[in-house]
Structure formats: structure tokens, C-alpha cells
Protein backbone atom coordinates (compact mmCIF):
# COMPACT_ATOMS: atom_id res chain seq x y z
CA UNK A 1 -0.36 0.31 0.00
CA UNK A 2 1.16 3.57 -0.74
CA UNK A 3 1.51 6.55 1.17
CA UNK A 4 0.64 9.48 -0.68
CA UNK A 5 1.36 13.00 0.46
CA UNK A 6 -0.27 16.20 -1.61
CA UNK A 7 1.21 19.53 -1.26
CA UNK A 8 -0.85 22.57 -1.42
CA UNK A 9 0.04 26.51 -1.34
CA UNK A 10 0.06 29.54 -2.83
CA UNK A 11 2.31 30.61 -5.44
CA UNK A 12 5.58 31.39 -3.97
CA UNK A 13 5.28 29.66 -0.98
CA UNK A 14 7.71 27.30 -1.88
CA UNK A 15 5.54 24.23 -2.34
CA UNK A 16 7.56 22.82 -5.41
CA UNK A 17 11.04 22.82 -3.21
CA UNK A 18 9.57 21.20 -0.23
CA UNK A 19 7.78 18.78 -2.78
CA UNK A 20 11.04 18.08 -4.07
CA UNK A 21 12.68 17.73 -0.91
CA UNK A 22 9.83 15.15 0.43
CA UNK A 23 10.87 13.19 -2.72
CA UNK A 24 14.37 13.00 -2.17
CA UNK A 25 13.72 12.11 1.85
CA UNK A 26 11.59 9.51 0.88
CA UNK A 27 13.69 7.39 -1.35
CA UNK A 28 15.08 4.27 0.22
CA UNK A 29 12.49 4.40 3.05
CA UNK A 30 10.35 1.63 0.86
CA UNK A 31 11.45 -1.12 -1.39
CA UNK A 32 9.71 0.72 -4.12
CA UNK A 33 10.43 3.37 -5.46
CA UNK A 34 8.67 7.06 -4.87
CA UNK A 35 6.33 8.46 -7.79
CA UNK A 36 6.68 12.44 -7.71
CA UNK A 37 3.76 13.88 -9.82
CA UNK A 38 3.82 17.20 -11.04
CA UNK A 39 0.44 18.48 -11.01
CA UNK A 40 1.14 22.28 -11.26
CA UNK A 41 0.82 23.66 -14.92
CA UNK A 42 4.10 25.57 -14.20
CA UNK A 43 5.75 21.87 -14.41
CA UNK A 44 9.11 23.04 -12.19
CA UNK A 45 9.55 19.68 -10.05
CA UNK A 46 11.03 17.88 -12.28
CA UNK A 47 13.89 20.59 -12.54
CA UNK A 48 14.21 20.88 -9.09
CA UNK A 49 14.82 16.89 -8.79
CA UNK A 50 17.27 17.06 -11.91
CA UNK A 51 15.17 15.36 -14.84
CA UNK A 52 13.30 16.98 -17.42
CA UNK A 53 9.72 14.86 -18.13
CA UNK A 54 9.55 13.12 -21.83
CA UNK A 55 5.97 13.27 -22.35
CA UNK A 56 3.07 15.18 -20.21
CA UNK A 57 0.00 13.67 -19.03
CA UNK A 58 -2.01 16.62 -20.90
CA UNK A 59 -1.03 15.61 -24.39
CA UNK A 60 -2.60 11.55 -23.41
CA UNK A 61 -5.92 13.54 -22.11
CA UNK A 62 -6.47 15.81 -24.88
CA UNK A 63 -6.05 12.90 -27.17
CA UNK A 64 -8.67 10.74 -25.47
CA UNK A 65 -11.16 14.09 -25.37
CA UNK A 66 -10.58 14.53 -29.04
CA UNK A 67 -11.12 11.02 -29.66
CA UNK A 68 -7.51 10.62 -31.50
CA UNK A 69 -4.78 8.14 -30.62
CA UNK A 70 -1.61 7.35 -31.23
CA UNK A 71 -2.19 3.58 -30.45
CA UNK A 72 -3.96 2.23 -33.34
CA UNK A 73 -5.99 -1.13 -32.65
CA UNK A 74 -6.93 -0.37 -29.21
CA UNK A 75 -9.78 0.61 -27.16
CA UNK A 76 -10.00 3.74 -25.80
CA UNK A 77 -8.77 3.03 -21.91
CA UNK A 78 -6.06 0.62 -22.85
CA UNK A 79 -4.78 3.49 -25.09
CA UNK A 80 -5.17 6.24 -22.20
CA UNK A 81 -3.59 3.67 -19.84
CA UNK A 82 -0.47 3.10 -22.07
CA UNK A 83 -0.22 6.79 -22.69
CA UNK A 84 0.15 7.25 -18.80
CA UNK A 85 2.81 4.63 -18.73
CA UNK A 86 4.72 6.72 -21.58
CA UNK A 87 4.50 9.72 -19.51
CA UNK A 88 6.31 8.50 -16.65
CA UNK A 89 10.05 9.37 -16.69
CA UNK A 90 12.23 6.91 -14.26
CA UNK A 91 15.06 8.64 -12.31
CA UNK A 92 17.35 6.82 -9.30
CA UNK A 93 14.66 5.87 -6.65
CA UNK A 94 11.71 8.00 -7.88
CA UNK A 95 10.08 8.56 -10.87
CA UNK A 96 7.98 11.85 -12.43
CA UNK A 97 4.87 11.98 -13.68
CA UNK A 98 4.12 15.43 -15.09
CA UNK A 99 0.54 16.31 -15.71
CA UNK A 100 1.46 19.80 -17.77
CA UNK A 101 -0.87 22.45 -19.22
CA UNK A 102 -4.33 22.63 -17.77
CA UNK A 103 -7.50 21.31 -19.53
CA UNK A 104 -8.43 23.30 -22.39
CA UNK A 105 -12.49 23.76 -24.17
CA UNK A 106 -14.26 20.79 -24.41
CA UNK A 107 -15.83 18.21 -21.49
CA UNK A 108 -12.81 16.33 -20.01
CA UNK A 109 -14.96 14.51 -17.59
CA UNK A 110 -15.24 10.90 -19.06
CA UNK A 111 -10.90 11.53 -19.34
CA UNK A 112 -10.37 12.45 -16.07
CA UNK A 113 -12.16 9.80 -14.46
CA UNK A 114 -10.11 7.46 -16.71
CA UNK A 115 -7.16 9.52 -15.24
CA UNK A 116 -7.74 8.83 -11.81
CA UNK A 117 -8.32 5.61 -12.11
CA UNK A 118 -4.90 4.56 -14.15
CA UNK A 119 -3.48 7.09 -11.14
CA UNK A 120 -4.74 4.83 -8.73
CA UNK A 121 -4.04 1.94 -9.98
CA UNK A 122 -0.12 3.34 -10.55
CA UNK A 123 0.28 4.51 -7.49
CA UNK A 124 -0.10 0.96 -5.97
CA UNK A 125 3.34 0.01 -7.41
CA UNK A 126 5.06 2.81 -5.30
CA UNK A 127 6.02 3.03 -1.70
CA UNK A 128 5.26 6.75 -1.50
CA UNK A 129 3.62 9.56 -3.99
CA UNK A 130 4.29 13.05 -3.44
CA UNK A 131 2.13 15.25 -5.64
CA UNK A 132 2.91 19.00 -5.78
CA UNK A 133 -0.55 20.91 -6.52
CA UNK A 134 -0.93 23.64 -8.36
CA UNK A 135 -2.63 26.58 -5.92
CA UNK A 136 -6.27 25.78 -6.00
CA UNK A 137 -7.47 22.37 -4.55
CA UNK A 138 -10.36 21.69 -6.88
CA UNK A 139 -8.63 19.80 -9.54
CA UNK A 140 -7.42 17.30 -6.74
CA UNK A 141 -10.87 15.46 -7.15
CA UNK A 142 -10.78 15.63 -10.77
CA UNK A 143 -7.85 14.21 -12.01
CA UNK A 144 -5.17 12.78 -9.57
CA UNK A 145 -6.40 10.60 -6.41
CA UNK A 146 -8.91 9.59 -4.29
CA UNK A 147 -7.49 8.91 -1.28
CA UNK A 148 -4.55 11.07 0.49
CA UNK A 149 -3.01 10.08 3.66
CA UNK A 150 -1.12 13.48 4.14
CA UNK A 151 -1.85 16.86 2.84
CA UNK A 152 0.53 19.63 3.50
CA UNK A 153 -0.51 22.68 3.49
CA UNK A 154 2.65 25.27 2.41
CA UNK A 155 2.71 29.00 4.10
CA UNK A 156 4.64 31.49 5.08
CA UNK A 157 4.22 32.56 8.63
CA UNK A 158 2.57 35.85 8.72
CA UNK A 159 -1.16 36.67 9.01
CA UNK A 160 -1.43 36.78 5.02
CA UNK A 161 -0.15 33.39 4.87
CA UNK A 162 -2.57 31.83 7.93
CA UNK A 163 -5.42 33.21 6.20
CA UNK A 164 -4.48 31.73 2.62
CA UNK A 165 -3.78 28.22 4.35
CA UNK A 166 -7.35 28.43 6.37
CA UNK A 167 -9.07 28.89 2.61
CA UNK A 168 -7.21 25.86 1.65
CA UNK A 169 -8.22 23.72 4.38
CA UNK A 170 -11.79 24.89 3.98
CA UNK A 171 -11.43 24.00 0.37
CA UNK A 172 -10.25 20.69 0.89
CA UNK A 173 -12.76 19.59 3.05
CA UNK A 174 -15.48 20.04 0.64
CA UNK A 175 -14.15 17.96 -1.81
CA UNK A 176 -14.89 14.35 -2.57
CA UNK A 177 -11.81 12.60 -1.84
CA UNK A 178 -10.82 10.70 1.61
CA UNK A 179 -7.99 13.37 3.29
CA UNK A 180 -6.44 10.97 6.50
CA UNK A 181 -4.35 14.17 8.15
CA UNK A 182 -4.30 17.59 7.00
CA UNK A 183 -2.33 20.83 8.54
CA UNK A 184 0.09 23.53 7.62
CA UNK A 185 3.28 23.80 7.32
CA UNK A 186 5.00 26.92 7.61
CA UNK A 187 8.30 27.41 5.39
CA UNK A 188 11.07 29.88 5.38
CA UNK A 189 10.39 30.71 9.22
CA UNK A 190 12.98 32.83 10.70
CA UNK A 191 11.76 31.95 14.35
CA UNK A 192 8.61 29.58 15.16
CA UNK A 193 5.44 31.42 16.31
CA UNK A 194 2.11 30.70 17.47
CA UNK A 195 -0.54 31.55 14.56
CA UNK A 196 -4.35 31.53 14.77
CA UNK A 197 -5.27 28.60 12.56
CA UNK A 198 -5.52 24.97 11.85
CA UNK A 199 -3.15 22.28 12.84
CA UNK A 200 0.29 22.82 12.67
CA UNK A 201 2.29 20.36 11.02
CA UNK A 202 5.63 21.65 11.47
CA UNK A 203 8.11 24.95 10.69
CA UNK A 204 10.41 24.41 7.99
CA UNK A 205 13.65 27.54 8.81
CA UNK A 206 14.69 29.65 6.25
CA UNK A 207 17.75 27.81 4.87
CA UNK A 208 20.54 29.84 2.80
CA UNK A 209 22.46 27.08 1.93
CA UNK A 210 19.22 25.75 0.13
CA UNK A 211 18.23 28.68 -1.64
CA UNK A 212 21.66 29.13 -2.47
CA UNK A 213 22.22 25.51 -4.05
CA UNK A 214 18.78 25.92 -6.06
CA UNK A 215 19.98 29.39 -7.42
CA UNK A 216 22.72 28.15 -9.11
CA UNK A 217 20.78 25.72 -10.63
CA UNK A 218 21.33 22.45 -8.85
CA UNK A 219 18.94 20.59 -7.25
CA UNK A 220 18.02 19.14 -4.26
CA UNK A 221 20.20 15.98 -3.91
CA UNK A 222 22.87 18.57 -3.93
CA UNK A 223 22.59 19.68 -0.39
CA UNK A 224 23.97 18.71 2.74
CA UNK A 225 21.94 15.88 4.58
CA UNK A 226 22.24 18.24 7.64
CA UNK A 227 20.58 21.14 5.75
CA UNK A 228 17.85 22.88 8.36
CA UNK A 229 15.25 23.06 6.04
CA UNK A 230 15.80 18.95 4.72
CA UNK A 231 16.10 17.73 8.53
CA UNK A 232 13.08 19.31 9.39
CA UNK A 233 11.21 18.03 6.43
CA UNK A 234 12.22 14.51 7.61
CA UNK A 235 11.31 14.95 10.96
CA UNK A 236 7.68 16.06 9.66
CA UNK A 237 7.58 13.00 7.80
CA UNK A 238 9.03 10.56 10.06
CA UNK A 239 6.46 11.96 12.82
CA UNK A 240 3.30 12.19 10.23
CA UNK A 241 3.99 9.31 8.31
CA UNK A 242 5.41 7.07 11.32
CA UNK A 243 8.79 5.64 9.08
CA UNK A 244 12.26 5.96 10.55
């Protein structure tokens, strides 16, 4: 059984960096690889992990909506499944699945139902699934998964960050998906402080070395193991997912 961690938050909160650090931290914690899902149309997770996606799911979905297929002689569902498999980019210890651009004109209901089914089936082959979402939450119920073990709302420790986190929390609770644990992961924190909002998952300290590494075009795999931000994320995952 895989553990699914979803990352959400407003733009600029650092959610993609945290998602990448979580993928890094979870490699080797299970006999199976980690699946990193880039569900943000901006598609930066692969860059932070140091790999370039070979294909994107959006192309598979749009072919299904248009009634076209690159795989002749197969039914629609089989073709869709094959397309998703082709969109998985393999790396050392983890795989990357990039959703790509948002939906265009037309009805995507049938395509999204197929997508959700095959993603749920695909996730069973991995020990952990980390989903880097776009700023909104509605798409989670449409094209990613039905079950989330841990939803991390990434926010900066400011009054505005607390308001944004509360709004995402309220929206998430209205979605027709199962979320076992949900809370705020405060990012770029200079000093921990108490904010009047939903459950705190933890505090990620501002880590100058991390951002210097990423600004030089490096990846999360180039940071030190004792990086303050990386150490904090490992502690959160250990506590919330009960892993060592």
C-alpha cells in the first residue's frame, strides 16, 4: 500500500521545493520507488529534482477528449493507460509523472475519470507518492487521486499566510476525496511562532544554503544531509507517516 502526500499552497510559498525535498527524503524508505507527480501547470518539480519529463499527461488526456490516439488497434481505456505509462520518466530511486498544461475547451469528465483510475492503479506500484499541486485544490478531485494520507498546506508564517492556509483547508474539506491528515507546514520561518489557524504540521526554517544551491541551478540532491530545511522535513515525515 502506498502513502500519498499532497502539497498545496499559494504561489511563491515554496511548495515545489518542499515537494522535491520530500521526494529526496523518502527515497530508500520503502522497497519500491517514490512517484513524484507534478500537478502544477507551471511544471517545475522535474527541474528541482534534476530530470526533464519525456512526455506529459495533458497530451494523453487531450487525445482522449479529441477521440484520437497514437496507439492504433486498441480501445480507449487501453490506449489511455498506455499513454500514462509512457508519460512516466524514470530516475534513480524515483519516477516523475508530469501533468502539464490545464484543460482546454471541451468536456474532460470521462478523460478525468480514466485518469484518476489509472493514477490510483499506478500508485500501488510505489511506496510513496508525492503530489505537487497548483495553488487551487479543486483539481485534486478531478484528475489525481481519491485518497490522501497527508495534505500539507505550505504557507509563510504571516497573517496573510494564515488566512490563505485557512481558505485552502476549508476548500479541501469540501472535496469528495479522503484526506487522513491535514495541516499547515510553515515555510521559510525565521523563528517559530503561534498563529491562529488549523493544525500545525511543523516549521521549516529559512535555509540560506538551500536557496543558494537551487539558485546556482543545482537540485535538491546537491544539498547537505544536515541542511536545516531538509532535516525539518525529514522530521515531519517521520512523525506524520511513522517512518524512520
